[in-house]
Amino acid sequence: MQVNSQITIGSTHMPGSGDTLRYSLAEAASVNNAALNATGANQTWDFSQLNPQSQGLNEYKLALQINPAYSLFFGITAYGLKTFDTLNLGTIQLTKGYDFLSKNNSVFKAVGRGLSYQNLPVPSFYTDDDEIYQFPLQFGDNDSSTFRVAFDLGGTIGLVQKGSRRNQVTGWGSITTPFGTFNALKVETTVWQTDSISISGFGLPPIPSTRVWYSWWSTASKMPIFEARGLVLPFSSNPVFTEYRFRDQFRACLGYVVADFAANQTQGTTTDVFQLQDQSQCAPETYFWNVQPATYTWMNGSAASDPNPSIRFDAAGYYSLGLTVFKGFALDSEQKTDYILIAQSSLDSEGQALPVLQPNPCTVGQPAVVRFPGTFRVKLFNGLGQELRETDWQSETALLSATGLAEGLYWVQVLKQDGSSTKLMPWMLIK
């Protein structure tokens, strides 16, 4: 039989300024409900089968790092934890909510709150501090406290949050999660809270709520090894848990996905079939390709929802490609602008060979290559039709120099050995 050690939790086991603590959110179906509700001495709480779905960070920052105004209000040693990003109250939006914290040998508490309204920081002290934990925490402890904090945004909106908190240490023993095995105390916390809101002096009906946390604290971590968060619904006494989080290490690809792709070639003609290759990370579940301009055809029975489709580009020019990948609620996109350069087909409508000019556009001062079957020579004209230069006779490939030419539009013509010539091809020089 495993023998566990009863521990004591004190202020040194609470988070402080500069702490960054990673946790994973677990799938509800993977929670051992028997262990969740077990209390008493010398327990063995087995949550080893928790299935992580996403991750988050609790970052405890100095008030000065959050906003210099908060350090002036709460003091240079104050530190905060973000509680929300955005809170919509009808037509009024509050952002960047923080709880500012303090700890000593007897208590870990919230002493103030801060939020932003119209991009301005709004700090407020608790008129009755929220004693989150009172120390020492030992098996059998039962403590309670009250709290009150209020905001007044210049008469536009007022918010008062008040209530009471009860902590009960209902068990001790050993807890196992995917993060490891630890000696721990189980703390059951209940918060009864009422939110009172007034808009332009008009008070709205108070909003009561009852929240419940089951937390397993260890001396090995500054956050619970495992925590179940929930609420008590009206006309009920049993909590309904909506979130399960456990202390964890970084897990690659958990809750996110990374889009990336490549093509088997980045230049070709209107008769070539290109293969697009998914190179995304973290095992995407669905795909969507976006191609601009829309002069293209999916080939070989593939479609925009395939990870590795085949595609033909039906007009000359540059094509931009994008890939969006999805995995659960996570998504990511990768965009490559002017990624594919397409020249006209090397065959005309009668199946006769046409010259291929690459690159096009071409950087000023750099040469281009003209490819054409047989022996030929190349003539270059400016936009007014004036001949600028002509190559010697070449076989299969000719080098067309851009030395001494300014940026702009030029025309290229291939002269065949039998005396005939091809149509003029535009050639763009760019810086």
Protein backbone atom coordinates (compact mmCIF):
# COMPACT_ATOMS: atom_id res chain seq x y z
CA MET A 1 0.00 0.00 0.00
CA GLN A 2 1.34 3.43 -0.90
CA VAL A 3 2.09 5.64 2.11
CA ASN A 4 1.54 9.35 1.50
CA SER A 5 2.89 12.27 3.49
CA GLN A 6 0.64 14.97 4.87
CA ILE A 7 1.94 18.40 3.87
CA THR A 8 1.40 22.02 4.84
CA ILE A 9 0.91 24.81 2.28
CA GLY A 10 2.20 28.31 3.07
CA SER A 11 2.83 31.62 1.34
CA THR A 12 6.09 30.39 -0.24
CA HIS A 13 4.01 27.98 -2.32
CA MET A 14 1.92 30.79 -3.82
CA PRO A 15 2.87 32.53 -7.10
CA GLY A 16 4.88 35.75 -6.99
CA SER A 17 6.07 38.48 -9.33
CA GLY A 18 7.90 37.09 -12.35
CA ASP A 19 6.43 33.59 -12.14
CA THR A 20 5.23 32.05 -15.41
CA LEU A 21 3.27 28.86 -14.85
CA ARG A 22 2.10 26.61 -17.67
CA TYR A 23 -1.05 24.53 -17.53
CA SER A 24 -3.04 22.27 -19.84
CA LEU A 25 -6.81 22.16 -20.18
CA ALA A 26 -8.07 18.59 -20.11
CA GLU A 27 -10.97 16.90 -21.89
CA ALA A 28 -13.88 16.42 -19.47
CA ALA A 29 -14.38 12.79 -20.52
CA SER A 30 -10.84 11.95 -19.37
CA VAL A 31 -11.44 13.05 -15.76
CA ASN A 32 -11.66 10.32 -13.09
CA ASN A 33 -14.86 11.43 -11.31
CA ALA A 34 -14.36 9.03 -8.42
CA ALA A 35 -10.98 10.62 -7.69
CA LEU A 36 -12.43 14.09 -8.25
CA ASN A 37 -14.92 13.66 -5.41
CA ALA A 38 -12.74 11.62 -3.03
CA THR A 39 -11.93 13.24 0.31
CA GLY A 40 -10.27 12.24 3.56
CA ALA A 41 -6.85 11.23 4.81
CA ASN A 42 -4.18 9.30 2.88
CA GLN A 43 -5.98 9.44 -0.47
CA THR A 44 -4.55 8.32 -3.82
CA TRP A 45 -6.03 10.60 -6.49
CA ASP A 46 -5.37 9.12 -9.93
CA PHE A 47 -5.76 11.59 -12.81
CA SER A 48 -3.07 10.00 -14.97
CA GLN A 49 -5.49 9.56 -17.89
CA LEU A 50 -6.17 13.29 -18.35
CA ASN A 51 -6.24 14.11 -22.07
CA PRO A 52 -4.77 17.60 -22.70
CA GLN A 53 -6.59 19.68 -25.33
CA SER A 54 -4.87 23.08 -25.15
CA GLN A 55 -2.41 25.03 -23.03
CA GLY A 56 -2.19 28.40 -21.32
CA LEU A 57 0.11 30.46 -19.12
CA ASN A 58 -0.43 32.23 -15.82
CA GLU A 59 1.98 35.16 -16.04
CA TYR A 60 2.45 37.23 -12.90
CA LYS A 61 3.78 40.63 -13.99
CA LEU A 62 4.90 43.69 -12.08
CA ALA A 63 2.40 46.54 -12.25
CA LEU A 64 5.04 48.61 -14.04
CA GLN A 65 5.20 46.01 -16.84
CA ILE A 66 1.42 46.01 -17.25
CA ASN A 67 1.05 49.81 -17.24
CA PRO A 68 3.16 52.45 -15.45
CA ALA A 69 -0.03 54.02 -14.08
CA TYR A 70 -0.70 50.86 -12.08
CA SER A 71 2.71 51.00 -10.38
CA LEU A 72 1.97 54.57 -9.28
CA PHE A 73 -1.42 53.48 -7.92
CA PHE A 74 -0.62 50.09 -6.35
CA GLY A 75 3.13 50.55 -5.70
CA ILE A 76 6.28 49.35 -7.45
CA THR A 77 6.18 45.90 -5.79
CA ALA A 78 2.57 45.16 -6.83
CA TYR A 79 2.08 42.38 -9.34
CA GLY A 80 -0.91 41.27 -11.37
CA LEU A 81 -2.48 38.34 -13.19
CA LYS A 82 -4.69 38.90 -16.24
CA THR A 83 -8.30 37.82 -15.64
CA PHE A 84 -9.90 38.75 -18.97
CA ASP A 85 -9.07 40.24 -22.38
CA THR A 86 -12.44 41.76 -23.28
CA LEU A 87 -15.68 42.26 -21.34
CA ASN A 88 -18.69 43.56 -23.27
CA LEU A 89 -21.35 45.39 -21.25
CA GLY A 90 -23.90 46.36 -23.89
CA THR A 91 -22.41 49.25 -25.86
CA ILE A 92 -19.50 49.57 -23.41
CA GLN A 93 -16.37 47.48 -23.79
CA LEU A 94 -13.82 46.90 -21.03
CA THR A 95 -10.46 45.31 -21.81
CA LYS A 96 -7.30 43.96 -20.17
CA GLY A 97 -8.60 43.04 -16.74
CA TYR A 98 -6.04 42.30 -14.01
CA ASP A 99 -6.14 41.22 -10.37
CA PHE A 100 -3.32 42.76 -8.32
CA LEU A 101 -2.01 40.46 -5.62
CA SER A 102 -0.09 40.45 -2.38
CA LYS A 103 1.15 37.75 0.00
CA ASN A 104 2.71 37.44 3.42
CA ASN A 105 3.12 34.67 5.98
CA SER A 106 -0.57 34.68 6.87
CA VAL A 107 -2.45 35.36 3.65
CA PHE A 108 -2.42 35.37 -0.17
CA LYS A 109 -4.92 37.97 -1.34
CA ALA A 110 -6.20 40.23 -4.10
CA VAL A 111 -5.80 43.89 -3.14
CA GLY A 112 -6.84 45.67 -6.33
CA ARG A 113 -8.15 45.39 -9.86
CA GLY A 114 -7.31 47.14 -13.07
CA LEU A 115 -8.99 47.35 -16.45
CA SER A 116 -8.86 49.52 -19.56
CA TYR A 117 -11.72 51.68 -20.77
CA GLN A 118 -11.28 53.52 -24.07
CA ASN A 119 -7.58 52.52 -23.90
CA LEU A 120 -7.11 54.24 -20.52
CA PRO A 121 -6.10 52.23 -17.42
CA VAL A 122 -8.63 52.30 -14.58
CA PRO A 123 -7.27 51.03 -11.24
CA SER A 124 -9.27 50.38 -8.09
CA PHE A 125 -8.40 49.08 -4.62
CA TYR A 126 -10.50 46.46 -2.89
CA THR A 127 -12.30 48.18 -0.04
CA ASP A 128 -12.42 44.70 1.47
CA ASP A 129 -9.46 42.55 0.31
CA ASP A 130 -10.19 39.12 -1.15
CA GLU A 131 -8.27 36.64 1.04
CA ILE A 132 -7.78 33.88 -1.50
CA TYR A 133 -5.91 31.60 0.92
CA GLN A 134 -5.13 31.92 4.63
CA PHE A 135 -2.04 30.14 6.00
CA PRO A 136 -1.01 27.64 6.97
CA LEU A 137 -3.24 25.34 4.92
CA GLN A 138 -3.55 21.93 6.61
CA PHE A 139 -5.96 19.03 6.46
CA GLY A 140 -9.21 19.89 8.23
CA ASP A 141 -8.83 23.68 7.93
CA ASN A 142 -11.98 25.68 7.23
CA ASP A 143 -11.78 29.46 6.75
CA SER A 144 -14.00 32.16 5.31
CA SER A 145 -13.68 35.82 4.33
CA THR A 146 -15.51 38.60 2.52
CA PHE A 147 -14.48 40.93 -0.32
CA ARG A 148 -15.62 44.06 -2.15
CA VAL A 149 -14.23 46.01 -5.11
CA ALA A 150 -15.86 48.81 -7.14
CA PHE A 151 -15.21 50.74 -10.35
CA ASP A 152 -16.72 54.06 -11.39
CA LEU A 153 -15.99 55.13 -14.96
CA GLY A 154 -16.84 58.81 -14.69
CA GLY A 155 -20.55 58.21 -14.14
CA THR A 156 -20.83 56.31 -17.44
CA ILE A 157 -20.71 52.91 -15.86
CA GLY A 158 -20.35 51.63 -12.32
CA LEU A 159 -19.44 48.09 -11.31
CA VAL A 160 -19.48 46.68 -7.78
CA GLN A 161 -18.41 43.10 -7.07
CA LYS A 162 -18.79 41.79 -3.56
CA GLY A 163 -19.26 38.49 -1.81
CA SER A 164 -17.68 35.88 0.42
CA ARG A 165 -15.24 32.99 0.05
CA ARG A 166 -14.91 29.70 1.94
CA ASN A 167 -11.93 27.34 1.80
CA GLN A 168 -12.08 23.81 3.17
CA VAL A 169 -9.10 21.43 3.15
CA THR A 170 -10.97 18.18 2.66
CA GLY A 171 -8.21 15.68 1.92
CA TRP A 172 -4.53 14.84 1.85
CA GLY A 173 -2.60 12.19 -0.02
CA SER A 174 -0.94 11.56 -3.36
CA ILE A 175 -2.08 12.91 -6.73
CA THR A 176 -0.98 11.67 -10.16
CA THR A 177 -1.46 13.58 -13.43
CA PRO A 178 0.39 13.43 -16.75
CA PHE A 179 2.79 15.95 -15.15
CA GLY A 180 3.85 13.55 -12.36
CA THR A 181 3.03 12.28 -8.88
CA PHE A 182 3.01 14.60 -5.85
CA ASN A 183 1.97 14.73 -2.22
CA ALA A 184 -0.93 17.17 -2.05
CA LEU A 185 -3.78 18.77 -0.12
CA LYS A 186 -7.25 18.97 -1.64
CA VAL A 187 -8.86 22.39 -1.12
CA GLU A 188 -12.53 22.97 -1.89
CA THR A 189 -13.32 26.65 -2.50
CA THR A 190 -16.77 28.20 -2.82
CA VAL A 191 -17.28 31.85 -3.82
CA TRP A 192 -20.65 33.55 -3.49
CA GLN A 193 -20.56 36.77 -5.52
CA THR A 194 -22.97 39.52 -6.56
CA ASP A 195 -22.22 41.88 -9.46
CA SER A 196 -24.06 45.20 -9.47
CA ILE A 197 -23.89 47.31 -12.64
CA SER A 198 -25.15 50.83 -13.24
CA ILE A 199 -25.12 52.58 -16.62
CA SER A 200 -25.46 56.38 -16.69
CA GLY A 201 -26.83 56.26 -13.15
CA PHE A 202 -29.41 53.58 -13.91
CA GLY A 203 -28.92 50.47 -11.81
CA LEU A 204 -29.43 47.05 -13.39
CA PRO A 205 -30.70 44.08 -11.37
CA PRO A 206 -27.89 42.47 -9.30
CA ILE A 207 -26.35 39.32 -10.80
CA PRO A 208 -25.62 36.60 -8.23
CA SER A 209 -23.36 33.63 -8.88
CA THR A 210 -21.82 30.73 -6.99
CA ARG A 211 -18.48 29.38 -8.19
CA VAL A 212 -16.64 26.27 -7.00
CA TRP A 213 -13.01 25.15 -7.30
CA TYR A 214 -11.49 21.83 -6.28
CA SER A 215 -7.70 22.42 -6.12
CA TRP A 216 -4.87 20.03 -5.32
CA TRP A 217 -1.89 21.97 -3.92
CA SER A 218 1.64 20.62 -3.60
CA THR A 219 4.83 22.09 -2.19
CA ALA A 220 6.43 21.33 -5.58
CA SER A 221 4.46 23.93 -7.56
CA LYS A 222 3.21 27.52 -7.27
CA MET A 223 -0.11 26.60 -8.84
CA PRO A 224 -2.45 23.67 -8.26
CA ILE A 225 -1.25 20.34 -9.61
CA PHE A 226 -4.85 19.82 -10.72
CA GLU A 227 -7.92 22.03 -10.54
CA ALA A 228 -11.58 21.59 -11.43
CA ARG A 229 -13.53 24.82 -11.94
CA GLY A 230 -17.29 25.11 -12.05
CA LEU A 231 -20.43 26.72 -10.70
CA VAL A 232 -23.58 25.88 -8.81
CA LEU A 233 -26.75 26.39 -10.84
CA PRO A 234 -29.87 27.98 -9.31
CA PHE A 235 -32.00 25.57 -7.24
CA SER A 236 -29.09 23.12 -7.02
CA SER A 237 -26.44 22.36 -4.42
CA ASN A 238 -24.02 20.29 -6.52
CA PRO A 239 -21.31 21.97 -8.62
CA VAL A 240 -21.22 21.58 -12.40
CA PHE A 241 -17.59 21.61 -13.50
CA THR A 242 -16.84 23.33 -16.79
CA GLU A 243 -13.04 23.42 -16.84
CA TYR A 244 -10.25 21.07 -15.80
CA ARG A 245 -6.65 22.28 -15.78
CA PHE A 246 -3.43 20.72 -14.57
CA ARG A 247 0.14 21.92 -14.11
CA ASP A 248 2.09 20.86 -17.17
CA GLN A 249 5.16 21.22 -19.33
CA PHE A 250 5.22 22.53 -22.91
CA ARG A 251 3.54 20.14 -25.34
CA ALA A 252 4.25 20.82 -29.01
CA CYS A 253 1.19 21.21 -31.25
CA LEU A 254 -1.27 21.19 -28.35
CA GLY A 255 -4.15 23.48 -29.25
CA TYR A 256 -2.55 24.99 -32.33
CA VAL A 257 -1.54 24.19 -35.89
CA VAL A 258 1.08 25.69 -38.25
CA ALA A 259 0.39 26.10 -41.98
CA ASP A 260 3.11 25.74 -44.61
CA PHE A 261 3.39 24.43 -48.17
CA ALA A 262 5.56 24.22 -51.28
CA ALA A 263 5.10 23.52 -54.98
CA ASN A 264 7.18 21.01 -56.90
CA GLN A 265 8.24 23.91 -59.17
CA THR A 266 7.72 27.66 -59.16
CA GLN A 267 7.97 28.35 -62.90
CA GLY A 268 6.32 26.72 -65.87
CA THR A 269 3.88 27.17 -68.71
CA THR A 270 0.13 26.98 -69.15
CA THR A 271 0.37 23.29 -70.09
CA ASP A 272 2.32 22.19 -67.00
CA VAL A 273 0.61 20.44 -64.09
CA PHE A 274 1.99 21.53 -60.72
CA GLN A 275 1.90 19.50 -57.52
CA LEU A 276 1.16 21.47 -54.34
CA GLN A 277 2.61 19.84 -51.26
CA ASP A 278 1.32 20.37 -47.72
CA GLN A 279 4.20 20.92 -45.28
CA SER A 280 2.09 22.01 -42.29
CA GLN A 281 2.94 21.03 -38.73
CA CYS A 282 0.78 19.57 -35.96
CA ALA A 283 -1.37 17.23 -38.10
CA PRO A 284 -4.09 19.47 -39.61
CA GLU A 285 -7.52 17.91 -40.01
CA THR A 286 -8.89 20.02 -42.88
CA TYR A 287 -7.40 22.20 -45.62
CA PHE A 288 -8.41 25.07 -47.89
CA TRP A 289 -6.27 26.37 -50.78
CA ASN A 290 -6.70 29.88 -52.15
CA VAL A 291 -5.26 30.78 -55.58
CA GLN A 292 -5.16 34.23 -57.17
CA PRO A 293 -5.88 35.12 -59.92
CA ALA A 294 -8.68 32.64 -60.55
CA THR A 295 -7.40 31.43 -63.95
CA TYR A 296 -6.53 27.89 -62.88
CA THR A 297 -7.91 24.34 -62.98
CA TRP A 298 -7.65 21.62 -60.34
CA MET A 299 -6.29 18.49 -62.00
CA ASN A 300 -6.28 14.71 -61.48
CA GLY A 301 -9.56 14.78 -59.56
CA SER A 302 -8.17 16.98 -56.77
CA ALA A 303 -9.84 19.97 -55.12
CA ALA A 304 -9.14 22.98 -52.91
CA SER A 305 -9.82 20.84 -49.81
CA ASP A 306 -7.08 18.30 -50.56
CA PRO A 307 -3.74 18.47 -48.72
CA ASN A 308 -1.70 17.80 -51.88
CA PRO A 309 -3.72 18.87 -54.94
CA SER A 310 -2.62 19.05 -58.58
CA ILE A 311 -3.19 22.32 -60.42
CA ARG A 312 -2.77 23.85 -63.88
CA PHE A 313 -2.44 27.60 -64.34
CA ASP A 314 -4.35 28.66 -67.45
CA ALA A 315 -2.93 32.12 -68.13
CA ALA A 316 0.53 33.64 -68.12
CA GLY A 317 1.66 35.76 -65.16
CA TYR A 318 2.34 35.53 -61.44
CA TYR A 319 0.10 33.51 -59.11
CA SER A 320 -0.25 33.96 -55.34
CA LEU A 321 -1.09 30.90 -53.26
CA GLY A 322 -2.47 30.58 -49.76
CA LEU A 323 -3.21 27.60 -47.52
CA THR A 324 -5.44 27.64 -44.42
CA VAL A 325 -5.38 24.59 -42.16
CA PHE A 326 -7.71 23.64 -39.32
CA LYS A 327 -7.40 21.36 -36.31
CA GLY A 328 -10.32 21.43 -33.92
CA PHE A 329 -10.85 25.09 -33.06
CA ALA A 330 -7.31 26.03 -34.10
CA LEU A 331 -6.43 27.41 -37.52
CA ASP A 332 -3.46 28.99 -39.27
CA SER A 333 -2.78 30.43 -42.72
CA GLU A 334 0.28 30.74 -44.91
CA GLN A 335 0.35 33.13 -47.90
CA LYS A 336 3.00 33.24 -50.63
CA THR A 337 2.63 36.25 -52.92
CA ASP A 338 3.69 35.97 -56.59
CA TYR A 339 4.88 32.45 -55.81
CA ILE A 340 4.31 30.83 -59.23
CA LEU A 341 5.43 32.38 -62.56
CA ILE A 342 3.63 31.07 -65.63
CA ALA A 343 4.65 31.64 -69.25
CA GLN A 344 2.47 30.87 -72.22
CA SER A 345 2.43 27.29 -73.40
CA SER A 346 5.45 26.19 -75.41
CA LEU A 347 2.97 24.94 -78.08
CA ASP A 348 0.56 27.02 -80.15
CA SER A 349 -2.99 25.99 -81.04
CA GLU A 350 -1.67 23.81 -83.90
CA GLY A 351 0.81 22.01 -81.69
CA GLN A 352 3.80 23.95 -83.03
CA ALA A 353 6.61 24.93 -80.67
CA LEU A 354 6.60 28.39 -79.10
CA PRO A 355 9.61 30.07 -77.47
CA VAL A 356 9.88 30.21 -73.68
CA LEU A 357 11.39 33.35 -72.07
CA GLN A 358 12.45 33.16 -68.40
CA PRO A 359 12.61 34.94 -66.04
CA ASN A 360 9.91 37.38 -66.98
CA PRO A 361 9.78 39.91 -65.35
CA CYS A 362 13.56 40.10 -65.08
CA THR A 363 15.77 42.23 -62.83
CA VAL A 364 17.63 45.06 -64.59
CA GLY A 365 21.16 43.99 -65.49
CA GLN A 366 20.40 40.26 -65.27
CA PRO A 367 20.17 37.99 -68.33
CA ALA A 368 17.18 35.95 -69.46
CA VAL A 369 17.12 32.60 -71.22
CA VAL A 370 15.19 31.91 -74.42
CA ARG A 371 14.43 28.25 -75.14
CA PHE A 372 13.28 27.07 -78.56
CA PRO A 373 13.78 23.82 -80.53
CA GLY A 374 16.35 23.92 -83.35
CA THR A 375 18.62 26.77 -84.46
CA PHE A 376 17.49 30.38 -84.01
CA ARG A 377 18.55 33.92 -83.18
CA VAL A 378 16.84 36.50 -80.96
CA LYS A 379 15.98 40.15 -81.63
CA LEU A 380 15.20 42.68 -78.88
CA PHE A 381 13.01 45.79 -79.43
CA ASN A 382 12.08 48.70 -77.20
CA GLY A 383 8.53 49.88 -76.62
CA LEU A 384 8.65 52.05 -79.77
CA GLY A 385 9.56 49.08 -81.94
CA GLN A 386 13.20 50.10 -82.38
CA GLU A 387 15.62 47.17 -82.62
CA LEU A 388 18.18 47.26 -79.81
CA ARG A 389 20.22 44.09 -80.25
CA GLU A 390 20.36 40.71 -81.94
CA THR A 391 22.07 37.50 -80.86
CA ASP A 392 24.15 35.13 -82.94
CA TRP A 393 22.63 31.88 -84.12
CA GLN A 394 22.02 29.53 -81.22
CA SER A 395 20.80 25.97 -80.76
CA GLU A 396 17.97 25.19 -78.30
CA THR A 397 18.99 27.94 -75.83
CA ALA A 398 19.99 31.58 -76.19
CA LEU A 399 21.11 34.07 -73.54
CA LEU A 400 19.43 37.48 -73.77
CA SER A 401 21.46 40.21 -72.06
CA ALA A 402 19.79 43.07 -70.19
CA THR A 403 23.05 44.95 -69.59
CA GLY A 404 22.65 48.68 -70.11
CA LEU A 405 18.85 48.55 -70.31
CA ALA A 406 16.54 50.59 -68.11
CA GLU A 407 13.46 49.19 -66.38
CA GLY A 408 10.39 49.00 -68.57
CA LEU A 409 8.64 46.94 -71.26
CA TYR A 410 10.59 45.38 -74.15
CA TRP A 411 9.71 42.96 -76.96
CA VAL A 412 11.49 39.76 -77.95
CA GLN A 413 11.27 37.96 -81.28
CA VAL A 414 12.75 34.60 -82.30
CA LEU A 415 13.97 34.20 -85.90
CA LYS A 416 13.96 30.62 -87.18
CA GLN A 417 16.66 29.16 -89.41
CA ASP A 418 14.15 28.83 -92.28
CA GLY A 419 13.66 32.63 -92.29
CA SER A 420 10.29 32.70 -90.50
CA SER A 421 9.77 34.39 -87.14
CA THR A 422 7.60 33.97 -84.05
CA LYS A 423 5.20 36.51 -82.59
CA LEU A 424 6.64 39.22 -80.34
CA MET A 425 6.87 38.29 -76.67
CA PRO A 426 6.72 41.00 -73.97
CA TRP A 427 9.71 41.18 -71.61
CA MET A 428 9.48 43.31 -68.48
CA LEU A 429 12.60 44.62 -66.72
CA ILE A 430 12.24 45.67 -63.09
CA LYS A 431 14.60 47.00 -60.43
